[in-house]
PDB file of all heavy atoms in Angstrom:
ATOM      1  N   ALA A   1      -7.918   0.711   1.369  1.00  0.00           N
ATOM      2  CA  ALA A   1      -6.656   0.348   1.898  1.00  0.00           C
ATOM      3  C   ALA A   1      -6.395  -1.254   1.513  1.00  0.00           C
ATOM      4  O   ALA A   1      -7.268  -1.919   1.238  1.00  0.00           O
ATOM      5  CB  ALA A   1      -6.689   0.279   3.497  1.00  0.00           C
ATOM      6  N   TYR A   2      -5.190  -1.462   1.295  1.00  0.00           N
ATOM      7  CA  TYR A   2      -4.742  -2.850   0.826  1.00  0.00           C
ATOM      8  C   TYR A   2      -3.578  -3.344   1.627  1.00  0.00           C
ATOM      9  O   TYR A   2      -2.660  -2.524   2.119  1.00  0.00           O
ATOM     10  CB  TYR A   2      -4.319  -2.828  -0.700  1.00  0.00           C
ATOM     11  CG  TYR A   2      -5.388  -2.314  -1.623  1.00  0.00           C
ATOM     12  CD1 TYR A   2      -5.541  -0.993  -1.903  1.00  0.00           C
ATOM     13  CD2 TYR A   2      -6.293  -3.263  -2.007  1.00  0.00           C
ATOM     14  CE1 TYR A   2      -6.630  -0.676  -2.763  1.00  0.00           C
ATOM     15  CE2 TYR A   2      -7.273  -2.862  -2.892  1.00  0.00           C
ATOM     16  CZ  TYR A   2      -7.403  -1.499  -3.149  1.00  0.00           C
ATOM     17  OH  TYR A   2      -8.442  -1.194  -4.093  1.00  0.00           O
ATOM     18  N   ALA A   3      -3.475  -4.689   1.826  1.00  0.00           N
ATOM     19  CA  ALA A   3      -2.268  -5.311   2.325  1.00  0.00           C
ATOM     20  C   ALA A   3      -1.238  -5.094   1.330  1.00  0.00           C
ATOM     21  O   ALA A   3      -1.432  -5.146   0.189  1.00  0.00           O
ATOM     22  CB  ALA A   3      -2.576  -6.812   2.554  1.00  0.00           C
ATOM     23  N   ASP A   4      -0.012  -5.010   1.851  1.00  0.00           N
ATOM     24  CA  ASP A   4       1.191  -4.913   0.997  1.00  0.00           C
ATOM     25  C   ASP A   4       1.358  -6.014  -0.077  1.00  0.00           C
ATOM     26  O   ASP A   4       1.704  -5.710  -1.219  1.00  0.00           O
ATOM     27  CB  ASP A   4       2.494  -4.860   1.822  1.00  0.00           C
ATOM     28  CG  ASP A   4       2.633  -3.537   2.617  1.00  0.00           C
ATOM     29  OD1 ASP A   4       1.885  -2.583   2.243  1.00  0.00           O
ATOM     30  OD2 ASP A   4       3.460  -3.550   3.440  1.00  0.00           O
ATOM     31  N   SER A   5       0.861  -7.233   0.319  1.00  0.00           N
ATOM     32  CA  SER A   5       0.977  -8.424  -0.550  1.00  0.00           C
ATOM     33  C   SER A   5       0.092  -8.341  -1.812  1.00  0.00           C
ATOM     34  O   SER A   5       0.299  -9.004  -2.716  1.00  0.00           O
ATOM     35  CB  SER A   5       0.706  -9.636   0.196  1.00  0.00           C
ATOM     36  OG  SER A   5      -0.650  -9.611   0.758  1.00  0.00           O
ATOM     37  N   VAL A   6      -0.947  -7.481  -1.777  1.00  0.00           N
ATOM     38  CA  VAL A   6      -1.856  -7.427  -2.878  1.00  0.00           C
ATOM     39  C   VAL A   6      -1.931  -6.118  -3.596  1.00  0.00           C
ATOM     40  O   VAL A   6      -2.597  -5.889  -4.629  1.00  0.00           O
ATOM     41  CB  VAL A   6      -3.319  -7.717  -2.464  1.00  0.00           C
ATOM     42  CG1 VAL A   6      -3.344  -9.164  -1.788  1.00  0.00           C
ATOM     43  CG2 VAL A   6      -3.965  -6.752  -1.597  1.00  0.00           C
ATOM     44  N   LYS A   7      -1.176  -5.113  -3.098  1.00  0.00           N
ATOM     45  CA  LYS A   7      -1.127  -3.756  -3.724  1.00  0.00           C
ATOM     46  C   LYS A   7      -0.745  -3.871  -5.178  1.00  0.00           C
ATOM     47  O   LYS A   7       0.174  -4.505  -5.484  1.00  0.00           O
ATOM     48  CB  LYS A   7      -0.210  -2.738  -2.943  1.00  0.00           C
ATOM     49  CG  LYS A   7      -0.820  -2.258  -1.628  1.00  0.00           C
ATOM     50  CD  LYS A   7       0.174  -1.303  -0.998  1.00  0.00           C
ATOM     51  CE  LYS A   7      -0.408  -0.805   0.358  1.00  0.00           C
ATOM     52  NZ  LYS A   7       0.574   0.084   1.099  1.00  0.00           N
ATOM     53  N   GLY A   8      -1.474  -3.141  -6.012  1.00  0.00           N
ATOM     54  CA  GLY A   8      -1.203  -3.172  -7.429  1.00  0.00           C
ATOM     55  C   GLY A   8      -1.831  -4.291  -8.202  1.00  0.00           C
ATOM     56  O   GLY A   8      -1.808  -4.213  -9.336  1.00  0.00           O
ATOM     57  N   ARG A   9      -2.301  -5.326  -7.359  1.00  0.00           N
ATOM     58  CA  ARG A   9      -2.982  -6.465  -8.134  1.00  0.00           C
ATOM     59  C   ARG A   9      -4.497  -6.488  -7.882  1.00  0.00           C
ATOM     60  O   ARG A   9      -5.278  -6.972  -8.709  1.00  0.00           O
ATOM     61  CB  ARG A   9      -2.342  -7.755  -7.690  1.00  0.00           C
ATOM     62  CG  ARG A   9      -0.817  -7.829  -7.880  1.00  0.00           C
ATOM     63  CD  ARG A   9      -0.204  -9.203  -7.698  1.00  0.00           C
ATOM     64  NE  ARG A   9      -0.293  -9.525  -6.283  1.00  0.00           N
ATOM     65  CZ  ARG A   9      -0.983 -10.618  -5.876  1.00  0.00           C
ATOM     66  NH1 ARG A   9      -1.718 -11.388  -6.605  1.00  0.00           N
ATOM     67  NH2 ARG A   9      -1.015 -10.862  -4.435  1.00  0.00           N
ATOM     68  N   PHE A  10      -4.837  -6.079  -6.731  1.00  0.00           N
ATOM     69  CA  PHE A  10      -6.341  -6.244  -6.276  1.00  0.00           C
ATOM     70  C   PHE A  10      -6.939  -4.830  -6.209  1.00  0.00           C
ATOM     71  O   PHE A  10      -6.312  -3.814  -5.814  1.00  0.00           O
ATOM     72  CB  PHE A  10      -6.411  -6.865  -4.980  1.00  0.00           C
ATOM     73  CG  PHE A  10      -6.090  -8.314  -4.882  1.00  0.00           C
ATOM     74  CD1 PHE A  10      -5.484  -8.939  -5.892  1.00  0.00           C
ATOM     75  CD2 PHE A  10      -6.357  -8.996  -3.679  1.00  0.00           C
ATOM     76  CE1 PHE A  10      -5.157 -10.290  -5.817  1.00  0.00           C
ATOM     77  CE2 PHE A  10      -6.039 -10.324  -3.559  1.00  0.00           C
ATOM     78  CZ  PHE A  10      -5.442 -10.994  -4.596  1.00  0.00           C
ATOM     79  N   THR A  11      -8.225  -4.797  -6.614  1.00  0.00           N
ATOM     80  CA  THR A  11      -8.988  -3.493  -6.405  1.00  0.00           C
ATOM     81  C   THR A  11     -10.251  -3.765  -5.725  1.00  0.00           C
ATOM     82  O   THR A  11     -11.132  -4.628  -6.144  1.00  0.00           O
ATOM     83  CB  THR A  11      -9.224  -2.846  -7.821  1.00  0.00           C
ATOM     84  OG1 THR A  11      -8.006  -2.667  -8.485  1.00  0.00           O
ATOM     85  CG2 THR A  11      -9.952  -1.589  -7.644  1.00  0.00           C
ATOM     86  N   VAL A  12     -10.601  -3.015  -4.621  1.00  0.00           N
ATOM     87  CA  VAL A  12     -11.815  -3.206  -4.016  1.00  0.00           C
ATOM     88  C   VAL A  12     -12.752  -2.076  -4.363  1.00  0.00           C
ATOM     89  O   VAL A  12     -12.323  -0.900  -4.536  1.00  0.00           O
ATOM     90  CB  VAL A  12     -11.609  -3.237  -2.390  1.00  0.00           C
ATOM     91  CG1 VAL A  12     -11.005  -1.872  -1.822  1.00  0.00           C
ATOM     92  CG2 VAL A  12     -12.894  -3.486  -1.651  1.00  0.00           C
ATOM     93  N   SER A  13     -14.041  -2.333  -4.521  1.00  0.00           N
ATOM     94  CA  SER A  13     -15.136  -1.329  -4.819  1.00  0.00           C
ATOM     95  C   SER A  13     -16.457  -1.696  -4.158  1.00  0.00           C
ATOM     96  O   SER A  13     -16.432  -2.785  -3.567  1.00  0.00           O
ATOM     97  CB  SER A  13     -15.226  -1.221  -6.328  1.00  0.00           C
ATOM     98  OG  SER A  13     -15.598  -2.506  -6.881  1.00  0.00           O
ATOM     99  N   ARG A  14     -17.301  -0.760  -4.181  1.00  0.00           N
ATOM    100  CA  ARG A  14     -18.625  -1.067  -3.582  1.00  0.00           C
ATOM    101  C   ARG A  14     -19.645  -0.368  -4.460  1.00  0.00           C
ATOM    102  O   ARG A  14     -19.445   0.760  -5.033  1.00  0.00           O
ATOM    103  CB  ARG A  14     -18.728  -0.668  -2.191  1.00  0.00           C
ATOM    104  CG  ARG A  14     -18.570   0.770  -1.812  1.00  0.00           C
ATOM    105  CD  ARG A  14     -18.492   0.938  -0.257  1.00  0.00           C
ATOM    106  NE  ARG A  14     -19.641   0.556   0.360  1.00  0.00           N
ATOM    107  CZ  ARG A  14     -19.672   0.502   1.762  1.00  0.00           C
ATOM    108  NH1 ARG A  14     -18.575   0.701   2.445  1.00  0.00           N
ATOM    109  NH2 ARG A  14     -20.835   0.073   2.350  1.00  0.00           N
ATOM    110  N   ASP A  15     -20.888  -0.949  -4.504  1.00  0.00           N
ATOM    111  CA  ASP A  15     -22.030  -0.282  -5.113  1.00  0.00           C
ATOM    112  C   ASP A  15     -23.169  -0.179  -4.061  1.00  0.00           C
ATOM    113  O   ASP A  15     -23.773  -1.239  -3.756  1.00  0.00           O
ATOM    114  CB  ASP A  15     -22.450  -1.095  -6.354  1.00  0.00           C
ATOM    115  CG  ASP A  15     -23.557  -0.435  -7.011  1.00  0.00           C
ATOM    116  OD1 ASP A  15     -24.235   0.532  -6.574  1.00  0.00           O
ATOM    117  OD2 ASP A  15     -23.947  -0.909  -8.186  1.00  0.00           O
ATOM    118  N   ASN A  16     -23.284   1.015  -3.392  1.00  0.00           N
ATOM    119  CA  ASN A  16     -24.265   1.117  -2.328  1.00  0.00           C
ATOM    120  C   ASN A  16     -25.710   1.007  -2.805  1.00  0.00           C
ATOM    121  O   ASN A  16     -26.588   0.828  -2.011  1.00  0.00           O
ATOM    122  CB  ASN A  16     -24.054   2.377  -1.549  1.00  0.00           C
ATOM    123  CG  ASN A  16     -22.795   2.267  -0.675  1.00  0.00           C
ATOM    124  OD1 ASN A  16     -22.245   1.265  -0.484  1.00  0.00           O
ATOM    125  ND2 ASN A  16     -22.185   3.473  -0.342  1.00  0.00           N
ATOM    126  N   THR A  17     -25.969   1.120  -4.141  1.00  0.00           N
ATOM    127  CA  THR A  17     -27.299   1.065  -4.680  1.00  0.00           C
ATOM    128  C   THR A  17     -27.763  -0.430  -4.714  1.00  0.00           C
ATOM    129  O   THR A  17     -28.942  -0.786  -4.715  1.00  0.00           O
ATOM    130  CB  THR A  17     -27.486   1.621  -6.021  1.00  0.00           C
ATOM    131  OG1 THR A  17     -26.713   0.859  -7.001  1.00  0.00           O
ATOM    132  CG2 THR A  17     -26.977   3.092  -6.030  1.00  0.00           C
ATOM    133  N   LYS A  18     -26.732  -1.313  -4.739  1.00  0.00           N
ATOM    134  CA  LYS A  18     -27.109  -2.766  -4.740  1.00  0.00           C
ATOM    135  C   LYS A  18     -26.606  -3.530  -3.570  1.00  0.00           C
ATOM    136  O   LYS A  18     -26.653  -4.713  -3.477  1.00  0.00           O
ATOM    137  CB  LYS A  18     -26.374  -3.339  -6.014  1.00  0.00           C
ATOM    138  CG  LYS A  18     -26.900  -2.724  -7.389  1.00  0.00           C
ATOM    139  CD  LYS A  18     -26.254  -3.371  -8.630  1.00  0.00           C
ATOM    140  CE  LYS A  18     -26.766  -2.913  -9.828  1.00  0.00           C
ATOM    141  NZ  LYS A  18     -26.113  -3.502 -10.956  1.00  0.00           N
ATOM    142  N   ASN A  19     -26.096  -2.858  -2.565  1.00  0.00           N
ATOM    143  CA  ASN A  19     -25.574  -3.401  -1.373  1.00  0.00           C
ATOM    144  C   ASN A  19     -24.481  -4.462  -1.502  1.00  0.00           C
ATOM    145  O   ASN A  19     -24.562  -5.608  -1.024  1.00  0.00           O
ATOM    146  CB  ASN A  19     -26.696  -4.132  -0.534  1.00  0.00           C
ATOM    147  CG  ASN A  19     -27.709  -3.017   0.073  1.00  0.00           C
ATOM    148  OD1 ASN A  19     -27.391  -1.828  -0.001  1.00  0.00           O
ATOM    149  ND2 ASN A  19     -28.689  -3.466   0.776  1.00  0.00           N
ATOM    150  N   THR A  20     -23.634  -4.196  -2.546  1.00  0.00           N
ATOM    151  CA  THR A  20     -22.458  -5.149  -2.854  1.00  0.00           C
ATOM    152  C   THR A  20     -21.231  -4.526  -2.669  1.00  0.00           C
ATOM    153  O   THR A  20     -21.057  -3.282  -2.834  1.00  0.00           O
ATOM    154  CB  THR A  20     -22.730  -5.590  -4.353  1.00  0.00           C
ATOM    155  OG1 THR A  20     -22.723  -4.480  -5.198  1.00  0.00           O
ATOM    156  CG2 THR A  20     -23.937  -6.438  -4.444  1.00  0.00           C
ATOM    157  N   MET A  21     -20.229  -5.466  -2.384  1.00  0.00           N
ATOM    158  CA  MET A  21     -18.813  -4.988  -2.480  1.00  0.00           C
ATOM    159  C   MET A  21     -18.085  -6.065  -3.339  1.00  0.00           C
ATOM    160  O   MET A  21     -18.495  -7.183  -3.346  1.00  0.00           O
ATOM    161  CB  MET A  21     -18.262  -5.068  -1.076  1.00  0.00           C
ATOM    162  CG  MET A  21     -16.688  -4.779  -0.985  1.00  0.00           C
ATOM    163  SD  MET A  21     -16.031  -4.798   0.595  1.00  0.00           S
ATOM    164  CE  MET A  21     -16.260  -6.561   1.197  1.00  0.00           C
ATOM    165  N   HIS A  22     -17.018  -5.567  -4.040  1.00  0.00           N
ATOM    166  CA  HIS A  22     -16.339  -6.438  -5.040  1.00  0.00           C
ATOM    167  C   HIS A  22     -14.829  -6.344  -4.798  1.00  0.00           C
ATOM    168  O   HIS A  22     -14.289  -5.408  -4.180  1.00  0.00           O
ATOM    169  CB  HIS A  22     -16.658  -5.995  -6.427  1.00  0.00           C
ATOM    170  CG  HIS A  22     -18.183  -5.907  -6.722  1.00  0.00           C
ATOM    171  ND1 HIS A  22     -18.875  -7.075  -6.928  1.00  0.00           N
ATOM    172  CD2 HIS A  22     -18.996  -4.859  -6.695  1.00  0.00           C
ATOM    173  CE1 HIS A  22     -20.192  -6.679  -7.127  1.00  0.00           C
ATOM    174  NE2 HIS A  22     -20.191  -5.405  -7.055  1.00  0.00           N
ATOM    175  N   LEU A  23     -14.156  -7.406  -5.200  1.00  0.00           N
ATOM    176  CA  LEU A  23     -12.799  -7.495  -5.215  1.00  0.00           C
ATOM    177  C   LEU A  23     -12.199  -8.046  -6.532  1.00  0.00           C
ATOM    178  O   LEU A  23     -12.403  -9.203  -6.779  1.00  0.00           O
ATOM    179  CB  LEU A  23     -12.260  -8.451  -4.052  1.00  0.00           C
ATOM    180  CG  LEU A  23     -10.688  -8.328  -3.769  1.00  0.00           C
ATOM    181  CD1 LEU A  23     -10.255  -7.005  -3.249  1.00  0.00           C
ATOM    182  CD2 LEU A  23     -10.314  -9.528  -2.816  1.00  0.00           C
ATOM    183  N   GLU A  24     -11.654  -7.186  -7.320  1.00  0.00           N
ATOM    184  CA  GLU A  24     -11.052  -7.573  -8.539  1.00  0.00           C
ATOM    185  C   GLU A  24      -9.615  -8.102  -8.318  1.00  0.00           C
ATOM    186  O   GLU A  24      -8.892  -7.268  -7.685  1.00  0.00           O
ATOM    187  CB  GLU A  24     -10.927  -6.460  -9.548  1.00  0.00           C
ATOM    188  CG  GLU A  24     -12.331  -5.921 -10.024  1.00  0.00           C
ATOM    189  CD  GLU A  24     -12.963  -6.772 -11.102  1.00  0.00           C
ATOM    190  OE1 GLU A  24     -12.241  -7.739 -11.471  1.00  0.00           O
ATOM    191  OE2 GLU A  24     -14.077  -6.526 -11.487  1.00  0.00           O
ATOM    192  N   MET A  25      -9.325  -9.283  -8.559  1.00  0.00           N
ATOM    193  CA  MET A  25      -8.102  -9.919  -8.267  1.00  0.00           C
ATOM    194  C   MET A  25      -7.399 -10.288  -9.551  1.00  0.00           C
ATOM    195  O   MET A  25      -7.964 -11.037 -10.390  1.00  0.00           O
ATOM    196  CB  MET A  25      -8.344 -11.209  -7.423  1.00  0.00           C
ATOM    197  CG  MET A  25      -9.225 -10.942  -6.267  1.00  0.00           C
ATOM    198  SD  MET A  25      -9.794 -12.543  -5.493  1.00  0.00           S
ATOM    199  CE  MET A  25      -8.291 -13.145  -4.903  1.00  0.00           C
ATOM    200  N   ASN A  26      -6.204  -9.683  -9.779  1.00  0.00           N
ATOM    201  CA  ASN A  26      -5.461  -9.749 -11.098  1.00  0.00           C
ATOM    202  C   ASN A  26      -4.058 -10.341 -10.601  1.00  0.00           C
ATOM    203  O   ASN A  26      -3.619 -10.244  -9.643  1.00  0.00           O
ATOM    204  CB  ASN A  26      -5.320  -8.500 -11.807  1.00  0.00           C
ATOM    205  CG  ASN A  26      -6.697  -7.930 -12.178  1.00  0.00           C
ATOM    206  OD1 ASN A  26      -7.481  -8.679 -12.870  1.00  0.00           O
ATOM    207  ND2 ASN A  26      -6.837  -6.665 -11.934  1.00  0.00           N
ATOM    208  N   ALA A  27      -3.429 -10.957 -11.682  1.00  0.00           N
ATOM    209  CA  ALA A  27      -2.016 -11.412 -11.513  1.00  0.00           C
ATOM    210  C   ALA A  27      -1.965 -12.380 -10.247  1.00  0.00           C
ATOM    211  O   ALA A  27      -1.100 -12.151  -9.462  1.00  0.00           O
ATOM    212  CB  ALA A  27      -1.111 -10.328 -11.318  1.00  0.00           C
ATOM    213  N   LEU A  28      -2.963 -13.233 -10.146  1.00  0.00           N
ATOM    214  CA  LEU A  28      -3.041 -14.121  -9.034  1.00  0.00           C
ATOM    215  C   LEU A  28      -1.871 -14.989  -8.849  1.00  0.00           C
ATOM    216  O   LEU A  28      -1.247 -15.522  -9.876  1.00  0.00           O
ATOM    217  CB  LEU A  28      -4.320 -14.964  -8.990  1.00  0.00           C
ATOM    218  CG  LEU A  28      -5.517 -14.177  -8.741  1.00  0.00           C
ATOM    219  CD1 LEU A  28      -6.802 -14.826  -9.130  1.00  0.00           C
ATOM    220  CD2 LEU A  28      -5.567 -13.932  -7.284  1.00  0.00           C
ATOM    221  N   GLU A  29      -1.412 -15.223  -7.649  1.00  0.00           N
ATOM    222  CA  GLU A  29      -0.227 -15.998  -7.320  1.00  0.00           C
ATOM    223  C   GLU A  29      -0.664 -17.215  -6.368  1.00  0.00           C
ATOM    224  O   GLU A  29      -1.725 -17.110  -5.730  1.00  0.00           O
ATOM    225  CB  GLU A  29       0.774 -15.164  -6.508  1.00  0.00           C
ATOM    226  CG  GLU A  29       1.216 -13.939  -7.338  1.00  0.00           C
ATOM    227  CD  GLU A  29       1.981 -12.929  -6.520  1.00  0.00           C
ATOM    228  OE1 GLU A  29       2.040 -13.158  -5.284  1.00  0.00           O
ATOM    229  OE2 GLU A  29       2.446 -12.007  -7.087  1.00  0.00           O
ATOM    230  N   PRO A  30       0.145 -18.291  -6.402  1.00  0.00           N
ATOM    231  CA  PRO A  30      -0.231 -19.389  -5.503  1.00  0.00           C
ATOM    232  C   PRO A  30      -0.423 -19.010  -4.051  1.00  0.00           C
ATOM    233  O   PRO A  30      -1.190 -19.592  -3.376  1.00  0.00           O
ATOM    234  CB  PRO A  30       0.997 -20.397  -5.712  1.00  0.00           C
ATOM    235  CG  PRO A  30       1.423 -20.071  -7.035  1.00  0.00           C
ATOM    236  CD  PRO A  30       1.255 -18.624  -7.244  1.00  0.00           C
ATOM    237  N   ASN A  31       0.312 -17.980  -3.584  1.00  0.00           N
ATOM    238  CA  ASN A  31       0.188 -17.586  -2.176  1.00  0.00           C
ATOM    239  C   ASN A  31      -1.198 -16.778  -1.964  1.00  0.00           C
ATOM    240  O   ASN A  31      -1.479 -16.542  -0.734  1.00  0.00           O
ATOM    241  CB  ASN A  31       1.370 -16.657  -1.765  1.00  0.00           C
ATOM    242  CG  ASN A  31       2.705 -17.397  -1.583  1.00  0.00           C
ATOM    243  OD1 ASN A  31       2.639 -18.625  -1.398  1.00  0.00           O
ATOM    244  ND2 ASN A  31       3.743 -16.681  -1.466  1.00  0.00           N
TER     245      ASN A  31
END
């Protein structure tokens, strides 16, 4: 799920074998 303000720009993922979660942030804006 994503906030409307970041849809299409951010991607969340997780790797349960490494106990990690990630957030790919693209087309970043000052806000």
